[in-house]
Amino acid sequence: MRQAVRIIQAISHIGSGHFSAYVVLLMMLMVLVEVVTRYVLRHPLMVADEFGGYMLVAITFITLAYTWKEGAHVRIEFIVNRLPPRFRNWLRLITLILATAFVPVLIKGSYDLWAYSHQFHERSLSWLRTLLEWPQIVLLIGTALLFLELIAELIKHVGILREKGDES
């Protein structure tokens, strides 16, 4: 089980963390080129708005798993931290189960959106007429990576509960 957790976390680290860092770098370069072509050459490319939006969505969804792995999602812990450790651990397990149960709904919704766009060859309304299936696929990938990370977290937390159960 530990090997499976390590593999999932490596996928999250590389597939989620590194990929989004490259997307941020690419987005910065795209905006720089757009600024130079607009204000220096006086002939803008006019792609930064549309592709910048797609990249922002990609960064948001692809980093879901990495953010979970790093414990960086928004949390409200002031009440939870006052609970006894045993109760806190069981509450953490329950919330992990609920989150893991919710993510397949996101995966299904993401897949349905992508499948609809793919089936009908939907395009953006901009002059670029971008096929929407390509920017929408990141929603599916991001939620799938989050699901894998939640499974790894569940495995780790059950192991923690077992160890603490042996100590009592």
C-alpha atoms as a PDB file:
ATOM      1  CA  MET A   1       0.000   0.000   0.000  1.00  0.00           C
ATOM      2  CA  ARG A   2       2.830   2.388   0.778  1.00  0.00           C
ATOM      3  CA  GLN A   3       4.219   1.848  -2.705  1.00  0.00           C
ATOM      4  CA  ALA A   4       0.834   2.742  -4.221  1.00  0.00           C
ATOM      5  CA  VAL A   5       0.703   5.915  -2.116  1.00  0.00           C
ATOM      6  CA  ARG A   6       4.212   6.883  -3.248  1.00  0.00           C
ATOM      7  CA  ILE A   7       3.322   6.309  -6.893  1.00  0.00           C
ATOM      8  CA  ILE A   8       0.127   8.375  -6.612  1.00  0.00           C
ATOM      9  CA  GLN A   9       1.959  11.188  -4.856  1.00  0.00           C
ATOM     10  CA  ALA A  10       4.708  11.139  -7.480  1.00  0.00           C
ATOM     11  CA  ILE A  11       2.035  11.439 -10.169  1.00  0.00           C
ATOM     12  CA  SER A  12       0.515  14.365  -8.254  1.00  0.00           C
ATOM     13  CA  HIS A  13       3.884  16.003  -7.816  1.00  0.00           C
ATOM     14  CA  ILE A  14       4.961  15.718 -11.441  1.00  0.00           C
ATOM     15  CA  GLY A  15       1.628  15.658 -13.259  1.00  0.00           C
ATOM     16  CA  SER A  16       0.032  18.332 -11.138  1.00  0.00           C
ATOM     17  CA  GLY A  17       2.792  20.435  -9.585  1.00  0.00           C
ATOM     18  CA  HIS A  18       5.353  20.539 -12.387  1.00  0.00           C
ATOM     19  CA  PHE A  19       2.818  20.762 -15.210  1.00  0.00           C
ATOM     20  CA  SER A  20       1.076  23.760 -13.705  1.00  0.00           C
ATOM     21  CA  ALA A  21       4.392  25.504 -13.115  1.00  0.00           C
ATOM     22  CA  TYR A  22       5.142  25.139 -16.825  1.00  0.00           C
ATOM     23  CA  VAL A  23       1.684  26.448 -17.701  1.00  0.00           C
ATOM     24  CA  VAL A  24       2.263  29.508 -15.494  1.00  0.00           C
ATOM     25  CA  LEU A  25       5.600  30.104 -17.226  1.00  0.00           C
ATOM     26  CA  LEU A  26       3.993  29.702 -20.643  1.00  0.00           C
ATOM     27  CA  MET A  27       1.193  32.090 -19.682  1.00  0.00           C
ATOM     28  CA  MET A  28       3.715  34.704 -18.530  1.00  0.00           C
ATOM     29  CA  LEU A  29       5.619  34.396 -21.804  1.00  0.00           C
ATOM     30  CA  MET A  30       2.403  34.653 -23.805  1.00  0.00           C
ATOM     31  CA  VAL A  31       1.368  37.833 -21.987  1.00  0.00           C
ATOM     32  CA  LEU A  32       4.865  39.271 -22.469  1.00  0.00           C
ATOM     33  CA  VAL A  33       4.733  38.594 -26.209  1.00  0.00           C
ATOM     34  CA  GLU A  34       1.237  40.079 -26.349  1.00  0.00           C
ATOM     35  CA  VAL A  35       2.406  43.250 -24.584  1.00  0.00           C
ATOM     36  CA  VAL A  36       5.448  43.605 -26.849  1.00  0.00           C
ATOM     37  CA  THR A  37       3.435  43.083 -30.024  1.00  0.00           C
ATOM     38  CA  ARG A  38       0.699  45.464 -28.851  1.00  0.00           C
ATOM     39  CA  TYR A  39       2.771  48.366 -27.536  1.00  0.00           C
ATOM     40  CA  VAL A  40       6.105  48.063 -29.349  1.00  0.00           C
ATOM     41  CA  LEU A  41       5.140  46.652 -32.743  1.00  0.00           C
ATOM     42  CA  ARG A  42       1.620  48.183 -32.662  1.00  0.00           C
ATOM     43  CA  HIS A  43       0.182  44.939 -34.022  1.00  0.00           C
ATOM     44  CA  PRO A  44      -1.315  42.761 -31.232  1.00  0.00           C
ATOM     45  CA  LEU A  45      -1.673  39.011 -31.609  1.00  0.00           C
ATOM     46  CA  MET A  46      -5.003  39.045 -29.732  1.00  0.00           C
ATOM     47  CA  VAL A  47      -4.670  35.511 -28.368  1.00  0.00           C
ATOM     48  CA  ALA A  48      -3.630  36.226 -24.785  1.00  0.00           C
ATOM     49  CA  ASP A  49      -7.167  36.823 -23.510  1.00  0.00           C
ATOM     50  CA  GLU A  50      -8.630  33.556 -24.738  1.00  0.00           C
ATOM     51  CA  PHE A  51      -5.631  31.316 -24.135  1.00  0.00           C
ATOM     52  CA  GLY A  52      -4.889  33.063 -20.832  1.00  0.00           C
ATOM     53  CA  GLY A  53      -8.382  32.099 -19.656  1.00  0.00           C
ATOM     54  CA  TYR A  54      -7.869  28.502 -20.736  1.00  0.00           C
ATOM     55  CA  MET A  55      -4.510  28.408 -18.984  1.00  0.00           C
ATOM     56  CA  LEU A  56      -5.983  29.848 -15.797  1.00  0.00           C
ATOM     57  CA  VAL A  57      -8.595  27.080 -15.751  1.00  0.00           C
ATOM     58  CA  ALA A  58      -5.854  24.516 -16.461  1.00  0.00           C
ATOM     59  CA  ILE A  59      -3.740  25.830 -13.585  1.00  0.00           C
ATOM     60  CA  THR A  60      -6.734  25.770 -11.241  1.00  0.00           C
ATOM     61  CA  PHE A  61      -7.873  22.234 -12.031  1.00  0.00           C
ATOM     62  CA  ILE A  62      -4.528  20.551 -12.607  1.00  0.00           C
ATOM     63  CA  THR A  63      -3.163  21.855  -9.285  1.00  0.00           C
ATOM     64  CA  LEU A  64      -6.078  20.486  -7.238  1.00  0.00           C
ATOM     65  CA  ALA A  65      -4.208  17.253  -6.459  1.00  0.00           C
ATOM     66  CA  TYR A  66      -0.894  18.959  -5.732  1.00  0.00           C
ATOM     67  CA  THR A  67      -2.600  21.510  -3.486  1.00  0.00           C
ATOM     68  CA  TRP A  68      -4.314  18.700  -1.584  1.00  0.00           C
ATOM     69  CA  LYS A  69      -1.033  16.810  -1.226  1.00  0.00           C
ATOM     70  CA  GLU A  70       0.653  19.909   0.202  1.00  0.00           C
ATOM     71  CA  GLY A  71      -2.263  20.658   2.559  1.00  0.00           C
ATOM     72  CA  ALA A  72      -2.768  24.067   0.967  1.00  0.00           C
ATOM     73  CA  HIS A  73      -6.532  24.046   0.356  1.00  0.00           C
ATOM     74  CA  VAL A  74      -8.485  26.529   2.458  1.00  0.00           C
ATOM     75  CA  ARG A  75      -9.230  25.036   5.862  1.00  0.00           C
ATOM     76  CA  ILE A  76     -11.070  26.251   8.900  1.00  0.00           C
ATOM     77  CA  GLU A  77      -9.309  24.505  11.753  1.00  0.00           C
ATOM     78  CA  PHE A  78      -9.896  26.646  14.813  1.00  0.00           C
ATOM     79  CA  ILE A  79     -12.674  24.321  16.067  1.00  0.00           C
ATOM     80  CA  VAL A  80     -11.166  21.063  14.825  1.00  0.00           C
ATOM     81  CA  ASN A  81      -7.822  21.802  16.526  1.00  0.00           C
ATOM     82  CA  ARG A  82      -9.598  22.048  19.897  1.00  0.00           C
ATOM     83  CA  LEU A  83     -11.031  18.541  19.614  1.00  0.00           C
ATOM     84  CA  PRO A  84      -9.352  15.563  21.296  1.00  0.00           C
ATOM     85  CA  PRO A  85      -6.814  13.908  18.940  1.00  0.00           C
ATOM     86  CA  ARG A  86      -8.742  10.637  18.698  1.00  0.00           C
ATOM     87  CA  PHE A  87     -11.975  12.404  17.697  1.00  0.00           C
ATOM     88  CA  ARG A  88     -10.049  14.692  15.318  1.00  0.00           C
ATOM     89  CA  ASN A  89      -8.522  11.677  13.544  1.00  0.00           C
ATOM     90  CA  TRP A  90     -11.914  10.038  13.063  1.00  0.00           C
ATOM     91  CA  LEU A  91     -13.429  13.323  11.868  1.00  0.00           C
ATOM     92  CA  ARG A  92     -10.567  13.610   9.364  1.00  0.00           C
ATOM     93  CA  LEU A  93     -11.365  10.111   8.086  1.00  0.00           C
ATOM     94  CA  ILE A  94     -15.046  10.986   7.669  1.00  0.00           C
ATOM     95  CA  THR A  95     -14.250  14.183   5.768  1.00  0.00           C
ATOM     96  CA  LEU A  96     -11.790  12.319   3.538  1.00  0.00           C
ATOM     97  CA  ILE A  97     -14.466   9.736   2.740  1.00  0.00           C
ATOM     98  CA  LEU A  98     -16.977  12.487   1.931  1.00  0.00           C
ATOM     99  CA  ALA A  99     -14.496  14.331  -0.289  1.00  0.00           C
ATOM    100  CA  THR A 100     -13.560  11.094  -2.054  1.00  0.00           C
ATOM    101  CA  ALA A 101     -17.252  10.337  -2.609  1.00  0.00           C
ATOM    102  CA  PHE A 102     -17.878  13.831  -4.031  1.00  0.00           C
ATOM    103  CA  VAL A 103     -15.013  13.871  -6.546  1.00  0.00           C
ATOM    104  CA  PRO A 104     -16.465  11.126  -8.815  1.00  0.00           C
ATOM    105  CA  VAL A 105     -19.461  13.441  -9.298  1.00  0.00           C
ATOM    106  CA  LEU A 106     -17.021  16.116 -10.479  1.00  0.00           C
ATOM    107  CA  ILE A 107     -15.302  13.596 -12.719  1.00  0.00           C
ATOM    108  CA  LYS A 108     -18.634  12.573 -14.260  1.00  0.00           C
ATOM    109  CA  GLY A 109     -19.644  16.198 -14.818  1.00  0.00           C
ATOM    110  CA  SER A 110     -16.261  17.005 -16.342  1.00  0.00           C
ATOM    111  CA  TYR A 111     -16.475  13.984 -18.605  1.00  0.00           C
ATOM    112  CA  ASP A 112     -20.029  14.840 -19.699  1.00  0.00           C
ATOM    113  CA  LEU A 113     -18.976  18.404 -20.558  1.00  0.00           C
ATOM    114  CA  TRP A 114     -15.963  17.170 -22.505  1.00  0.00           C
ATOM    115  CA  ALA A 115     -17.950  14.426 -24.291  1.00  0.00           C
ATOM    116  CA  TYR A 116     -20.644  16.900 -25.361  1.00  0.00           C
ATOM    117  CA  SER A 117     -18.052  19.309 -26.750  1.00  0.00           C
ATOM    118  CA  HIS A 118     -16.231  16.464 -28.453  1.00  0.00           C
ATOM    119  CA  GLN A 119     -19.378  14.977 -29.966  1.00  0.00           C
ATOM    120  CA  PHE A 120     -20.657  18.251 -31.393  1.00  0.00           C
ATOM    121  CA  HIS A 121     -17.254  19.787 -32.165  1.00  0.00           C
ATOM    122  CA  GLU A 122     -18.074  22.877 -30.122  1.00  0.00           C
ATOM    123  CA  ARG A 123     -15.850  25.862 -30.704  1.00  0.00           C
ATOM    124  CA  SER A 124     -15.229  29.098 -28.852  1.00  0.00           C
ATOM    125  CA  LEU A 125     -17.072  32.195 -29.998  1.00  0.00           C
ATOM    126  CA  SER A 126     -13.840  34.127 -30.531  1.00  0.00           C
ATOM    127  CA  TRP A 127     -12.197  34.628 -33.895  1.00  0.00           C
ATOM    128  CA  LEU A 128      -9.820  31.750 -33.048  1.00  0.00           C
ATOM    129  CA  ARG A 129     -12.722  29.246 -33.000  1.00  0.00           C
ATOM    130  CA  THR A 130     -10.804  26.992 -30.588  1.00  0.00           C
ATOM    131  CA  LEU A 131     -12.190  23.479 -30.227  1.00  0.00           C
ATOM    132  CA  LEU A 132     -13.488  23.517 -26.657  1.00  0.00           C
ATOM    133  CA  GLU A 133     -12.743  19.851 -26.034  1.00  0.00           C
ATOM    134  CA  TRP A 134      -9.046  20.677 -25.618  1.00  0.00           C
ATOM    135  CA  PRO A 135      -9.347  23.253 -22.838  1.00  0.00           C
ATOM    136  CA  GLN A 136     -12.118  21.203 -21.209  1.00  0.00           C
ATOM    137  CA  ILE A 137     -10.064  18.019 -20.992  1.00  0.00           C
ATOM    138  CA  VAL A 138      -8.019  19.602 -18.184  1.00  0.00           C
ATOM    139  CA  LEU A 139     -11.129  19.600 -15.975  1.00  0.00           C
ATOM    140  CA  LEU A 140     -11.346  15.829 -16.350  1.00  0.00           C
ATOM    141  CA  ILE A 141      -7.612  15.299 -15.832  1.00  0.00           C
ATOM    142  CA  GLY A 142      -7.501  17.591 -12.801  1.00  0.00           C
ATOM    143  CA  THR A 143     -10.437  15.963 -11.045  1.00  0.00           C
ATOM    144  CA  ALA A 144      -9.062  12.482 -11.794  1.00  0.00           C
ATOM    145  CA  LEU A 145      -5.697  13.469 -10.282  1.00  0.00           C
ATOM    146  CA  LEU A 146      -7.513  14.855  -7.230  1.00  0.00           C
ATOM    147  CA  PHE A 147      -9.391  11.553  -6.868  1.00  0.00           C
ATOM    148  CA  LEU A 148      -6.122   9.601  -6.935  1.00  0.00           C
ATOM    149  CA  GLU A 149      -4.615  11.936  -4.342  1.00  0.00           C
ATOM    150  CA  LEU A 150      -7.656  11.534  -2.080  1.00  0.00           C
ATOM    151  CA  ILE A 151      -7.354   7.738  -2.348  1.00  0.00           C
ATOM    152  CA  ALA A 152      -3.690   8.002  -1.326  1.00  0.00           C
ATOM    153  CA  GLU A 153      -4.640  10.267   1.584  1.00  0.00           C
ATOM    154  CA  LEU A 154      -7.320   7.802   2.695  1.00  0.00           C
ATOM    155  CA  ILE A 155      -4.820   4.930   2.618  1.00  0.00           C
ATOM    156  CA  LYS A 156      -2.330   6.963   4.657  1.00  0.00           C
ATOM    157  CA  HIS A 157      -4.938   8.068   7.176  1.00  0.00           C
ATOM    158  CA  VAL A 158      -6.314   4.555   7.704  1.00  0.00           C
ATOM    159  CA  GLY A 159      -2.719   3.474   8.382  1.00  0.00           C
ATOM    160  CA  ILE A 160      -2.367   6.263  10.936  1.00  0.00           C
ATOM    161  CA  LEU A 161      -5.612   5.217  12.637  1.00  0.00           C
ATOM    162  CA  ARG A 162      -4.443   1.588  12.769  1.00  0.00           C
ATOM    163  CA  GLU A 163      -1.129   2.596  14.351  1.00  0.00           C
ATOM    164  CA  LYS A 164      -2.873   4.787  16.924  1.00  0.00           C
ATOM    165  CA  GLY A 165      -5.385   1.977  17.594  1.00  0.00           C
ATOM    166  CA  ASP A 166      -2.514  -0.400  18.393  1.00  0.00           C
ATOM    167  CA  GLU A 167      -1.101   2.117  20.912  1.00  0.00           C
ATOM    168  CA  SER A 168      -4.343   2.484  22.925  1.00  0.00           C
END
